[in-house]
Amino acid sequence: MPVRAHWLLPEGTRVGIVPATSGLRAGDEAQTWLDQNGNVVSQPLDLGDATAAGITAAALIWLSAVGLLTAAYFAAVAGLNHHRSASWGRAWAKVEPDWSRRA
């Protein structure tokens, strides 16, 4: 639940809206996370969440790399098959008249 609060910084007091848990009363202290400029930010990830995010990112990068390499492989195979088929077609065009006795 967002509430109006004030907090102390080296350059003075700042007033703003911060998230607070239910059950707090006026004057109670609540933990609030600030950035280097004294602005309210969300709580940083804990070790478990950071580890999960890192593992997820690594898995997505790995899967993307595998997908790109697989796509490159199939594109190369398709290109080589096209080249071989064209080569076979040219070779057949040379020998087909002799084999079919149409020479």
Protein backbone atom coordinates (compact mmCIF):
# COMPACT_ATOMS: atom_id res chain seq x y z
CA MET A 1 0.00 0.00 0.00
CA PRO A 2 1.61 3.33 -1.01
CA VAL A 3 1.96 5.91 1.77
CA ARG A 4 3.40 9.39 2.11
CA ALA A 5 6.75 9.32 3.91
CA HIS A 6 9.86 11.35 4.56
CA TRP A 7 13.45 10.21 4.81
CA LEU A 8 16.78 11.80 5.59
CA LEU A 9 19.56 12.20 3.05
CA PRO A 10 22.95 13.90 3.49
CA GLU A 11 21.59 16.96 1.64
CA GLY A 12 18.34 17.12 3.63
CA THR A 13 14.91 15.57 4.06
CA ARG A 14 13.02 14.15 1.11
CA VAL A 15 9.24 13.56 1.01
CA GLY A 16 7.49 11.15 -1.33
CA ILE A 17 5.27 8.12 -1.79
CA VAL A 18 6.72 4.76 -0.76
CA PRO A 19 5.32 1.23 -0.59
CA ALA A 20 4.53 0.02 2.92
CA THR A 21 3.18 -3.20 4.36
CA SER A 22 -0.19 -3.24 6.05
CA GLY A 23 -0.27 -2.95 9.84
CA LEU A 24 2.09 0.01 10.07
CA ARG A 25 0.91 3.16 11.85
CA ALA A 26 1.93 6.77 11.37
CA GLY A 27 5.45 7.24 12.71
CA ASP A 28 6.47 3.57 12.28
CA GLU A 29 9.66 2.88 10.37
CA ALA A 30 9.49 0.96 7.11
CA GLN A 31 12.38 -0.35 5.06
CA THR A 32 12.63 1.56 1.77
CA TRP A 33 15.22 1.13 -0.95
CA LEU A 34 16.82 4.21 -2.49
CA ASP A 35 19.10 4.69 -5.49
CA GLN A 36 22.29 6.77 -5.46
CA ASN A 37 20.20 9.94 -5.98
CA GLY A 38 17.88 9.24 -3.05
CA ASN A 39 14.90 8.19 -5.20
CA VAL A 40 12.69 5.30 -4.11
CA VAL A 41 13.35 2.09 -6.09
CA SER A 42 12.15 -1.49 -5.81
CA GLN A 43 13.93 -3.93 -3.52
CA PRO A 44 16.95 -5.60 -5.17
CA LEU A 45 16.84 -9.31 -5.90
CA ASP A 46 17.87 -11.65 -3.14
CA LEU A 47 20.47 -14.37 -3.76
CA GLY A 48 17.89 -16.99 -4.79
CA ASP A 49 16.09 -14.69 -7.21
CA ALA A 50 19.38 -13.44 -8.70
CA THR A 51 20.57 -17.03 -9.14
CA ALA A 52 17.31 -18.01 -10.83
CA ALA A 53 17.50 -14.97 -13.11
CA GLY A 54 21.10 -15.82 -14.03
CA ILE A 55 20.29 -19.45 -14.76
CA THR A 56 17.28 -18.42 -16.84
CA ALA A 57 19.35 -15.93 -18.82
CA ALA A 58 22.10 -18.51 -19.41
CA ALA A 59 19.55 -21.10 -20.56
CA LEU A 60 17.90 -18.62 -22.94
CA ILE A 61 21.29 -17.61 -24.38
CA TRP A 62 22.24 -21.27 -24.81
CA LEU A 63 18.92 -22.13 -26.46
CA SER A 64 19.23 -19.12 -28.77
CA ALA A 65 22.75 -20.16 -29.78
CA VAL A 66 21.61 -23.73 -30.43
CA GLY A 67 18.66 -22.44 -32.45
CA LEU A 68 20.86 -20.14 -34.54
CA LEU A 69 23.42 -22.88 -35.17
CA THR A 70 20.67 -25.33 -36.12
CA ALA A 71 19.15 -22.80 -38.53
CA ALA A 72 22.60 -22.13 -40.03
CA TYR A 73 23.17 -25.88 -40.45
CA PHE A 74 19.87 -26.42 -42.24
CA ALA A 75 20.42 -23.34 -44.41
CA ALA A 76 23.85 -24.68 -45.41
CA VAL A 77 22.43 -28.13 -46.14
CA ALA A 78 19.67 -26.59 -48.27
CA GLY A 79 22.21 -24.49 -50.17
CA LEU A 80 24.48 -27.48 -50.76
CA ASN A 81 21.54 -29.64 -51.88
CA HIS A 82 20.47 -26.93 -54.32
CA HIS A 83 24.02 -26.69 -55.68
CA ARG A 84 24.32 -30.49 -56.02
CA SER A 85 20.92 -30.73 -57.71
CA ALA A 86 21.86 -28.03 -60.21
CA SER A 87 25.21 -29.76 -60.85
CA TRP A 88 23.49 -33.11 -61.39
CA GLY A 89 21.01 -31.43 -63.75
CA ARG A 90 23.84 -29.99 -65.85
CA ALA A 91 25.64 -33.35 -65.90
CA TRP A 92 22.44 -35.16 -66.90
CA ALA A 93 21.84 -32.65 -69.69
CA LYS A 94 25.24 -33.63 -71.11
CA VAL A 95 24.80 -37.43 -70.93
CA GLU A 96 21.04 -37.80 -71.39
CA PRO A 97 21.11 -37.60 -75.23
CA ASP A 98 23.58 -40.53 -75.38
CA TRP A 99 21.67 -42.61 -72.88
CA SER A 100 18.30 -42.04 -74.46
CA ARG A 101 19.66 -42.63 -77.97
CA ARG A 102 18.39 -39.25 -79.17
CA ALA A 103 21.84 -38.13 -80.36
